[in-house]
C-alpha atoms as a PDB file:
ATOM      1  CA  MET A   1      11.638 -21.416  -7.376  1.00  0.00           C
ATOM      2  CA  SER A   2      12.051 -18.400  -5.206  1.00  0.00           C
ATOM      3  CA  ARG A   3       8.717 -16.937  -4.410  1.00  0.00           C
ATOM      4  CA  THR A   4      10.322 -13.339  -4.753  1.00  0.00           C
ATOM      5  CA  ALA A   5      10.626 -13.946  -8.332  1.00  0.00           C
ATOM      6  CA  THR A   6      11.847 -10.676  -9.948  1.00  0.00           C
ATOM      7  CA  VAL A   7      10.603  -9.313 -13.225  1.00  0.00           C
ATOM      8  CA  LYS A   8      11.728  -6.165 -14.588  1.00  0.00           C
ATOM      9  CA  GLU A   9       9.277  -3.936 -15.623  1.00  0.00           C
ATOM     10  CA  PRO A  10       8.291  -3.987 -19.426  1.00  0.00           C
ATOM     11  CA  VAL A  11      10.009  -0.891 -21.129  1.00  0.00           C
ATOM     12  CA  ALA A  12       6.480   0.047 -23.276  1.00  0.00           C
ATOM     13  CA  GLU A  13       3.908   0.412 -21.211  1.00  0.00           C
ATOM     14  CA  THR A  14       2.042   2.698 -23.427  1.00  0.00           C
ATOM     15  CA  ALA A  15       0.166   1.189 -26.574  1.00  0.00           C
ATOM     16  CA  ALA A  16       0.004  -2.667 -26.442  1.00  0.00           C
ATOM     17  CA  ALA A  17       0.238  -3.078 -29.577  1.00  0.00           C
ATOM     18  CA  ALA A  18       3.209  -1.679 -29.940  1.00  0.00           C
ATOM     19  CA  VAL A  19       5.362  -4.097 -27.811  1.00  0.00           C
ATOM     20  CA  ASP A  20       7.011  -6.769 -29.190  1.00  0.00           C
ATOM     21  CA  ARG A  21       4.971  -9.973 -27.991  1.00  0.00           C
ATOM     22  CA  GLU A  22       7.286 -12.605 -27.767  1.00  0.00           C
ATOM     23  CA  ALA A  23       9.814 -10.524 -25.948  1.00  0.00           C
ATOM     24  CA  LEU A  24       7.710  -9.619 -23.728  1.00  0.00           C
ATOM     25  CA  ILE A  25       6.133 -13.143 -22.994  1.00  0.00           C
ATOM     26  CA  GLN A  26       9.714 -14.105 -22.430  1.00  0.00           C
ATOM     27  CA  GLU A  27      10.058 -11.465 -20.130  1.00  0.00           C
ATOM     28  CA  LEU A  28       7.395 -12.159 -17.894  1.00  0.00           C
ATOM     29  CA  ALA A  29       7.970 -15.942 -18.106  1.00  0.00           C
ATOM     30  CA  PRO A  30       9.428 -16.552 -14.696  1.00  0.00           C
ATOM     31  CA  GLN A  31       6.392 -14.715 -13.312  1.00  0.00           C
ATOM     32  CA  ILE A  32       4.047 -16.716 -14.977  1.00  0.00           C
ATOM     33  CA  LYS A  33       5.925 -20.215 -13.734  1.00  0.00           C
ATOM     34  CA  TYR A  34       5.810 -18.571  -9.880  1.00  0.00           C
ATOM     35  CA  ILE A  35       2.160 -18.182 -10.281  1.00  0.00           C
ATOM     36  CA  ALA A  36       1.736 -21.817 -11.916  1.00  0.00           C
ATOM     37  CA  TYR A  37       3.824 -23.562  -9.295  1.00  0.00           C
ATOM     38  CA  ARG A  38       2.320 -21.868  -6.310  1.00  0.00           C
ATOM     39  CA  LEU A  39      -0.934 -23.073  -7.136  1.00  0.00           C
ATOM     40  CA  ALA A  40       0.046 -26.670  -8.371  1.00  0.00           C
ATOM     41  CA  MET A  41       1.487 -27.141  -4.802  1.00  0.00           C
ATOM     42  CA  ARG A  42      -2.335 -27.560  -3.433  1.00  0.00           C
ATOM     43  CA  LEU A  43      -3.584 -29.187  -6.458  1.00  0.00           C
ATOM     44  CA  PRO A  44      -3.893 -33.295  -6.785  1.00  0.00           C
ATOM     45  CA  PRO A  45      -1.014 -35.013  -9.023  1.00  0.00           C
ATOM     46  CA  HIS A  46      -2.768 -35.424 -12.140  1.00  0.00           C
ATOM     47  CA  ILE A  47      -3.071 -31.683 -12.592  1.00  0.00           C
ATOM     48  CA  GLU A  48      -0.154 -30.865 -14.780  1.00  0.00           C
ATOM     49  CA  VAL A  49       1.989 -27.249 -13.937  1.00  0.00           C
ATOM     50  CA  ASN A  50       2.567 -27.173 -17.688  1.00  0.00           C
ATOM     51  CA  GLU A  51      -1.603 -26.778 -18.238  1.00  0.00           C
ATOM     52  CA  LEU A  52      -1.502 -24.143 -15.904  1.00  0.00           C
ATOM     53  CA  ILE A  53       1.591 -22.589 -17.697  1.00  0.00           C
ATOM     54  CA  ASN A  54      -0.310 -22.756 -21.077  1.00  0.00           C
ATOM     55  CA  ALA A  55      -2.989 -20.714 -19.636  1.00  0.00           C
ATOM     56  CA  GLY A  56      -0.807 -18.485 -17.709  1.00  0.00           C
ATOM     57  CA  VAL A  57       0.550 -17.191 -21.369  1.00  0.00           C
ATOM     58  CA  ILE A  58      -3.088 -17.104 -22.863  1.00  0.00           C
ATOM     59  CA  GLY A  59      -3.727 -14.982 -20.006  1.00  0.00           C
ATOM     60  CA  LEU A  60      -0.679 -12.775 -21.033  1.00  0.00           C
ATOM     61  CA  ILE A  61      -1.746 -12.704 -24.335  1.00  0.00           C
ATOM     62  CA  ASP A  62      -5.265 -11.369 -23.450  1.00  0.00           C
ATOM     63  CA  ALA A  63      -3.510  -8.743 -21.145  1.00  0.00           C
ATOM     64  CA  LEU A  64      -2.230  -7.267 -24.095  1.00  0.00           C
ATOM     65  CA  ASP A  65      -5.232  -7.386 -26.113  1.00  0.00           C
ATOM     66  CA  ARG A  66      -6.955  -5.623 -23.454  1.00  0.00           C
ATOM     67  CA  TYR A  67      -4.250  -3.277 -21.879  1.00  0.00           C
ATOM     68  CA  ASP A  68      -5.543   0.220 -21.521  1.00  0.00           C
ATOM     69  CA  PRO A  69      -2.597   2.377 -20.239  1.00  0.00           C
ATOM     70  CA  SER A  70      -5.463   5.470 -19.586  1.00  0.00           C
ATOM     71  CA  ARG A  71      -6.023   3.591 -16.392  1.00  0.00           C
ATOM     72  CA  ASP A  72      -3.117   4.481 -14.714  1.00  0.00           C
ATOM     73  CA  VAL A  73      -2.270   0.840 -14.143  1.00  0.00           C
ATOM     74  CA  LYS A  74       1.129  -0.433 -14.646  1.00  0.00           C
ATOM     75  CA  PHE A  75       1.313  -3.375 -17.093  1.00  0.00           C
ATOM     76  CA  LYS A  76       2.843  -5.956 -15.133  1.00  0.00           C
ATOM     77  CA  THR A  77       0.108  -5.312 -12.571  1.00  0.00           C
ATOM     78  CA  TYR A  78      -2.531  -6.087 -14.912  1.00  0.00           C
ATOM     79  CA  ALA A  79      -0.823  -8.662 -16.693  1.00  0.00           C
ATOM     80  CA  GLU A  80      -0.152 -10.757 -13.731  1.00  0.00           C
ATOM     81  CA  PHE A  81      -3.960 -10.305 -12.463  1.00  0.00           C
ATOM     82  CA  ARG A  82      -4.967 -11.738 -16.120  1.00  0.00           C
ATOM     83  CA  ILE A  83      -2.640 -14.686 -15.838  1.00  0.00           C
ATOM     84  CA  ARG A  84      -3.718 -15.557 -12.524  1.00  0.00           C
ATOM     85  CA  GLY A  85      -7.112 -15.274 -13.564  1.00  0.00           C
ATOM     86  CA  ALA A  86      -6.282 -17.308 -16.685  1.00  0.00           C
ATOM     87  CA  MET A  87      -5.043 -20.574 -14.483  1.00  0.00           C
ATOM     88  CA  LEU A  88      -8.358 -20.333 -12.384  1.00  0.00           C
ATOM     89  CA  ASP A  89     -10.572 -20.499 -15.459  1.00  0.00           C
ATOM     90  CA  GLU A  90      -8.284 -23.744 -16.327  1.00  0.00           C
ATOM     91  CA  LEU A  91      -8.784 -25.067 -13.066  1.00  0.00           C
ATOM     92  CA  ARG A  92     -12.731 -24.850 -13.059  1.00  0.00           C
ATOM     93  CA  SER A  93     -12.882 -26.027 -16.673  1.00  0.00           C
ATOM     94  CA  LEU A  94     -11.257 -29.162 -15.859  1.00  0.00           C
ATOM     95  CA  ASP A  95     -13.953 -30.038 -12.841  1.00  0.00           C
ATOM     96  CA  TRP A  96     -11.618 -31.944 -10.925  1.00  0.00           C
ATOM     97  CA  VAL A  97     -13.209 -31.284  -7.481  1.00  0.00           C
ATOM     98  CA  PRO A  98     -15.477 -34.450  -6.606  1.00  0.00           C
ATOM     99  CA  ARG A  99     -19.017 -33.116  -6.532  1.00  0.00           C
ATOM    100  CA  SER A 100     -18.876 -35.180  -3.243  1.00  0.00           C
ATOM    101  CA  VAL A 101     -16.529 -32.782  -1.846  1.00  0.00           C
ATOM    102  CA  ARG A 102     -18.352 -29.944  -2.990  1.00  0.00           C
ATOM    103  CA  ARG A 103     -21.828 -31.111  -1.698  1.00  0.00           C
ATOM    104  CA  LYS A 104     -19.793 -31.817   1.645  1.00  0.00           C
ATOM    105  CA  ALA A 105     -18.387 -28.433   1.843  1.00  0.00           C
ATOM    106  CA  THR A 106     -21.550 -26.956   1.341  1.00  0.00           C
ATOM    107  CA  VAL A 107     -23.059 -28.717   4.139  1.00  0.00           C
ATOM    108  CA  VAL A 108     -20.016 -27.977   6.097  1.00  0.00           C
ATOM    109  CA  ASN A 109     -20.495 -24.102   5.128  1.00  0.00           C
ATOM    110  CA  ARG A 110     -24.100 -24.178   6.492  1.00  0.00           C
ATOM    111  CA  THR A 111     -23.558 -25.573   9.492  1.00  0.00           C
ATOM    112  CA  MET A 112     -20.585 -23.341  10.513  1.00  0.00           C
ATOM    113  CA  GLN A 113     -22.894 -20.327  10.152  1.00  0.00           C
ATOM    114  CA  GLU A 114     -25.359 -22.021  11.926  1.00  0.00           C
ATOM    115  CA  LEU A 115     -23.499 -22.727  15.005  1.00  0.00           C
ATOM    116  CA  GLU A 116     -21.503 -19.284  14.817  1.00  0.00           C
ATOM    117  CA  ARG A 117     -24.938 -17.827  15.075  1.00  0.00           C
ATOM    118  CA  ARG A 118     -26.038 -20.007  17.893  1.00  0.00           C
ATOM    119  CA  LEU A 119     -22.531 -19.793  19.857  1.00  0.00           C
ATOM    120  CA  GLY A 120     -21.957 -16.199  18.786  1.00  0.00           C
ATOM    121  CA  ARG A 121     -18.302 -17.174  17.539  1.00  0.00           C
ATOM    122  CA  ALA A 122     -16.501 -19.479  15.511  1.00  0.00           C
ATOM    123  CA  PRO A 123     -16.913 -23.079  16.359  1.00  0.00           C
ATOM    124  CA  THR A 124     -14.411 -25.245  17.456  1.00  0.00           C
ATOM    125  CA  GLU A 125     -13.200 -28.277  14.960  1.00  0.00           C
ATOM    126  CA  GLY A 126     -14.688 -30.835  17.595  1.00  0.00           C
ATOM    127  CA  GLU A 127     -18.069 -28.747  17.535  1.00  0.00           C
ATOM    128  CA  MET A 128     -17.844 -28.971  13.862  1.00  0.00           C
ATOM    129  CA  ALA A 129     -17.736 -32.721  13.583  1.00  0.00           C
ATOM    130  CA  GLY A 130     -20.058 -33.157  16.610  1.00  0.00           C
ATOM    131  CA  ALA A 131     -22.594 -30.692  14.803  1.00  0.00           C
ATOM    132  CA  MET A 132     -22.276 -33.012  11.304  1.00  0.00           C
ATOM    133  CA  GLY A 133     -22.570 -36.117  13.306  1.00  0.00           C
ATOM    134  CA  MET A 134     -18.625 -36.835  12.099  1.00  0.00           C
ATOM    135  CA  GLU A 135     -15.968 -38.054  13.907  1.00  0.00           C
ATOM    136  CA  ALA A 136     -13.237 -35.403  14.461  1.00  0.00           C
ATOM    137  CA  ASP A 137     -10.730 -37.497  12.801  1.00  0.00           C
ATOM    138  CA  ASP A 138     -13.090 -37.658   9.744  1.00  0.00           C
ATOM    139  CA  TYR A 139     -13.921 -34.062   9.972  1.00  0.00           C
ATOM    140  CA  LEU A 140     -10.292 -33.158   9.512  1.00  0.00           C
ATOM    141  CA  ARG A 141      -9.860 -35.920   6.560  1.00  0.00           C
ATOM    142  CA  PHE A 142     -12.549 -33.709   4.830  1.00  0.00           C
ATOM    143  CA  LEU A 143     -10.887 -30.575   5.394  1.00  0.00           C
ATOM    144  CA  GLN A 144      -7.512 -32.124   3.738  1.00  0.00           C
ATOM    145  CA  ASP A 145      -9.580 -33.375   0.653  1.00  0.00           C
ATOM    146  CA  ALA A 146     -11.260 -30.211   0.438  1.00  0.00           C
ATOM    147  CA  ALA A 147      -7.528 -28.022   0.676  1.00  0.00           C
ATOM    148  CA  GLY A 148      -7.457 -28.420  -3.360  1.00  0.00           C
ATOM    149  CA  SER A 149     -10.958 -26.789  -3.657  1.00  0.00           C
ATOM    150  CA  ALA A 150      -9.622 -24.246  -1.404  1.00  0.00           C
ATOM    151  CA  ILE A 151      -7.888 -22.366  -4.505  1.00  0.00           C
ATOM    152  CA  ILE A 152     -11.074 -21.834  -6.232  1.00  0.00           C
ATOM    153  CA  SER A 153     -12.083 -20.340  -2.879  1.00  0.00           C
ATOM    154  CA  VAL A 154     -15.236 -18.631  -3.349  1.00  0.00           C
ATOM    155  CA  GLU A 155     -16.450 -20.313  -6.042  1.00  0.00           C
ATOM    156  CA  ASP A 156     -20.412 -19.855  -4.661  1.00  0.00           C
ATOM    157  CA  LEU A 157     -20.098 -16.259  -4.720  1.00  0.00           C
ATOM    158  CA  HIS A 158     -20.779 -14.270  -7.747  1.00  0.00           C
ATOM    159  CA  GLY A 159     -19.438 -10.921  -8.874  1.00  0.00           C
ATOM    160  CA  HIS A 160     -21.567  -8.453 -10.517  1.00  0.00           C
ATOM    161  CA  ASP A 161     -21.317 -10.139 -14.053  1.00  0.00           C
ATOM    162  CA  GLY A 162     -22.391 -13.526 -12.549  1.00  0.00           C
ATOM    163  CA  GLU A 163     -19.014 -15.148 -13.254  1.00  0.00           C
ATOM    164  CA  ASP A 164     -16.887 -17.365 -10.700  1.00  0.00           C
ATOM    165  CA  ARG A 165     -14.181 -14.745  -9.096  1.00  0.00           C
ATOM    166  CA  ASP A 166     -11.598 -16.246  -6.507  1.00  0.00           C
ATOM    167  CA  LEU A 167     -11.617 -14.292  -3.121  1.00  0.00           C
ATOM    168  CA  PHE A 168      -8.525 -12.650  -3.735  1.00  0.00           C
ATOM    169  CA  GLU A 169      -8.952 -11.917  -7.269  1.00  0.00           C
ATOM    170  CA  THR A 170     -12.361 -10.338  -6.596  1.00  0.00           C
ATOM    171  CA  ILE A 171     -10.579  -7.414  -4.735  1.00  0.00           C
ATOM    172  CA  SER A 172      -7.381  -7.068  -6.542  1.00  0.00           C
ATOM    173  CA  ASP A 173      -8.670  -6.327  -9.987  1.00  0.00           C
ATOM    174  CA  PRO A 174      -6.654  -3.620 -11.254  1.00  0.00           C
ATOM    175  CA  ALA A 175      -9.106  -2.815 -14.213  1.00  0.00           C
ATOM    176  CA  ALA A 176     -12.098  -1.675 -11.751  1.00  0.00           C
ATOM    177  CA  ALA A 177     -11.251   1.788 -12.802  1.00  0.00           C
ATOM    178  CA  ASP A 178     -15.388   2.628 -12.883  1.00  0.00           C
ATOM    179  CA  PRO A 179     -16.299   4.673  -9.974  1.00  0.00           C
ATOM    180  CA  LEU A 180     -18.936   2.636  -8.907  1.00  0.00           C
ATOM    181  CA  GLU A 181     -16.980  -0.767  -9.394  1.00  0.00           C
ATOM    182  CA  GLN A 182     -14.471   1.340  -7.217  1.00  0.00           C
ATOM    183  CA  VAL A 183     -16.697   1.906  -4.238  1.00  0.00           C
ATOM    184  CA  ARG A 184     -18.077  -2.158  -4.763  1.00  0.00           C
ATOM    185  CA  VAL A 185     -14.309  -3.222  -4.600  1.00  0.00           C
ATOM    186  CA  GLY A 186     -13.416  -0.997  -1.565  1.00  0.00           C
ATOM    187  CA  GLU A 187     -16.491  -2.140   0.399  1.00  0.00           C
ATOM    188  CA  MET A 188     -15.599  -6.093  -0.420  1.00  0.00           C
ATOM    189  CA  LYS A 189     -11.769  -5.168   1.030  1.00  0.00           C
ATOM    190  CA  GLN A 190     -13.352  -3.987   4.404  1.00  0.00           C
ATOM    191  CA  SER A 191     -15.763  -7.014   4.236  1.00  0.00           C
ATOM    192  CA  ILE A 192     -12.797  -9.293   3.979  1.00  0.00           C
ATOM    193  CA  ALA A 193     -10.840  -7.403   6.375  1.00  0.00           C
ATOM    194  CA  LYS A 194     -13.209  -7.526   8.944  1.00  0.00           C
ATOM    195  CA  ALA A 195     -14.220 -11.462   8.300  1.00  0.00           C
ATOM    196  CA  VAL A 196     -10.426 -12.141   8.538  1.00  0.00           C
ATOM    197  CA  ASP A 197     -10.280 -10.441  11.699  1.00  0.00           C
ATOM    198  CA  ARG A 198     -12.927 -12.375  13.052  1.00  0.00           C
ATOM    199  CA  LEU A 199     -10.952 -16.085  12.245  1.00  0.00           C
ATOM    200  CA  PRO A 200      -9.537 -17.818  14.995  1.00  0.00           C
ATOM    201  CA  ALA A 201      -5.955 -16.927  15.772  1.00  0.00           C
ATOM    202  CA  LYS A 202      -4.362 -19.588  13.934  1.00  0.00           C
ATOM    203  CA  GLU A 203      -6.383 -19.689  10.838  1.00  0.00           C
ATOM    204  CA  ARG A 204      -6.051 -15.801  10.723  1.00  0.00           C
ATOM    205  CA  LEU A 205      -1.884 -16.807  11.154  1.00  0.00           C
ATOM    206  CA  VAL A 206      -2.638 -19.051   8.078  1.00  0.00           C
ATOM    207  CA  VAL A 207      -4.372 -16.951   5.737  1.00  0.00           C
ATOM    208  CA  GLY A 208      -1.984 -13.704   6.458  1.00  0.00           C
ATOM    209  CA  LEU A 209       1.207 -15.485   5.858  1.00  0.00           C
ATOM    210  CA  TYR A 210      -0.141 -17.219   2.908  1.00  0.00           C
ATOM    211  CA  TYR A 211      -2.031 -14.597   0.876  1.00  0.00           C
ATOM    212  CA  PHE A 212      -0.308 -11.783   2.164  1.00  0.00           C
ATOM    213  CA  GLU A 213       3.306 -13.028   3.236  1.00  0.00           C
ATOM    214  CA  GLU A 214       3.277 -15.398   0.268  1.00  0.00           C
ATOM    215  CA  LEU A 215       5.234 -18.215   2.130  1.00  0.00           C
ATOM    216  CA  THR A 216       4.294 -22.138   0.987  1.00  0.00           C
ATOM    217  CA  MET A 217       2.521 -24.643   3.004  1.00  0.00           C
ATOM    218  CA  LYS A 218       5.733 -26.064   3.778  1.00  0.00           C
ATOM    219  CA  GLU A 219       7.033 -22.711   5.220  1.00  0.00           C
ATOM    220  CA  ILE A 220       4.089 -22.138   7.247  1.00  0.00           C
ATOM    221  CA  ALA A 221       4.027 -25.748   8.801  1.00  0.00           C
ATOM    222  CA  ASN A 222       7.901 -24.772   9.765  1.00  0.00           C
ATOM    223  CA  VAL A 223       6.354 -21.490  11.313  1.00  0.00           C
ATOM    224  CA  LEU A 224       3.672 -23.334  13.330  1.00  0.00           C
ATOM    225  CA  GLU A 225       5.703 -26.187  13.828  1.00  0.00           C
ATOM    226  CA  VAL A 226       2.960 -28.696  12.494  1.00  0.00           C
ATOM    227  CA  THR A 227       2.667 -30.815   9.306  1.00  0.00           C
ATOM    228  CA  GLU A 228       2.125 -29.646   6.007  1.00  0.00           C
ATOM    229  CA  SER A 229      -1.237 -31.475   5.675  1.00  0.00           C
ATOM    230  CA  ARG A 230      -2.344 -29.760   9.493  1.00  0.00           C
ATOM    231  CA  VAL A 231      -1.727 -26.409   7.559  1.00  0.00           C
ATOM    232  CA  SER A 232      -4.114 -27.474   4.535  1.00  0.00           C
ATOM    233  CA  GLN A 233      -6.985 -28.484   6.743  1.00  0.00           C
ATOM    234  CA  ILE A 234      -6.196 -24.762   8.620  1.00  0.00           C
ATOM    235  CA  HIS A 235      -6.463 -23.096   5.595  1.00  0.00           C
ATOM    236  CA  SER A 236      -9.299 -25.030   4.303  1.00  0.00           C
ATOM    237  CA  GLN A 237     -11.536 -24.212   7.120  1.00  0.00           C
ATOM    238  CA  ALA A 238     -10.489 -20.666   7.034  1.00  0.00           C
ATOM    239  CA  VAL A 239     -11.525 -20.310   3.679  1.00  0.00           C
ATOM    240  CA  LEU A 240     -14.734 -21.805   4.391  1.00  0.00           C
ATOM    241  CA  ARG A 241     -15.578 -19.552   7.038  1.00  0.00           C
ATOM    242  CA  LEU A 242     -14.677 -16.340   4.685  1.00  0.00           C
ATOM    243  CA  ARG A 243     -17.318 -17.780   1.888  1.00  0.00           C
ATOM    244  CA  GLY A 244     -19.600 -18.159   4.396  1.00  0.00           C
ATOM    245  CA  ARG A 245     -19.271 -14.699   5.995  1.00  0.00           C
ATOM    246  CA  LEU A 246     -18.841 -12.925   2.463  1.00  0.00           C
ATOM    247  CA  LYS A 247     -21.888 -14.670   0.831  1.00  0.00           C
ATOM    248  CA  SER A 248     -24.340 -12.278   2.190  1.00  0.00           C
ATOM    249  CA  PHE A 249     -22.251  -9.209   0.786  1.00  0.00           C
ATOM    250  CA  MET A 250     -21.724 -10.763  -2.597  1.00  0.00           C
ATOM    251  CA  ALA A 251     -25.305 -11.543  -3.098  1.00  0.00           C
ATOM    252  CA  GLY A 252     -26.246  -7.558  -2.388  1.00  0.00           C
ATOM    253  CA  CYS A 253     -23.699  -7.395  -5.309  1.00  0.00           C
ATOM    254  CA  THR A 254     -25.357  -9.236  -7.778  1.00  0.00           C
END
C-alpha cells in the first residue's frame, strides 16, 4: 500500500452530526488501512491487522462525535489523530509486550541516562552492553525484541490527564486549543526537537526517515544499506534515548 494514500477532504466539515457517517467512513477507509498496516509492520505476527482496522473505525466514529468545527481544525486532521489513538489504545489493551522486555527496557533506559551523564555524550552500543553486563550480540537481540514495543514509544511518560500518550501523538493533538495546552505542546515540540538533534547521526536519520518522511523500515534499510532488523535495532535504541531525555519534561507537566 502506498504511504501517500490520498484521501479527499470531507465535503462537510461543519457540524459532524450533519455528515453521512457511512459515506465518511468509506471515504476515510484507505487512510484507516494505511495507518493500520504501517503500525502492523513492527508488530508480532499474532496481532491481527484487522483488529487495528476495527479500532480505527471506532476512532473515526469517536471523531465524528467529538469534532468541534469552531476549533479551526480540519475534520480529516482531527479524524486521523483519533484513528491512530484508537489503534494505540487497542494495542495497549492487548498488553502483548512481555513483562521481561518491559523490565529490561527500564534497565536499559536507566543505564543509558547514567552513562550519558558520566560520559557527556550518547553511549555506544558496546558501552551499553558492557555497562549492563551483556555481550554485544545479546544487547542487539534485546533491541530487536523491543522493536515492536517502541510503537507505544513513551508508555512510561504520562500526559496531563494521566493517560499514556504516544511520543508523536503527544505533540500532534489538533484538539489542543486551550492556550495553556498550546504552550505545553509548543514546549514539548521544542524539547523533542532538541532531544532528536542530540541523537547519534544514524539514530537521528532513522527517526527522521520513519516519523517525518514516513519511510517504511524496509525502505530505510535500503537507504542505509543494512538489514531491516538492524534498522529496528537502531530505531529501538533511539526511542529509548528519547524516552529517557523527555521523562523529566513530562514529569513537570503532570
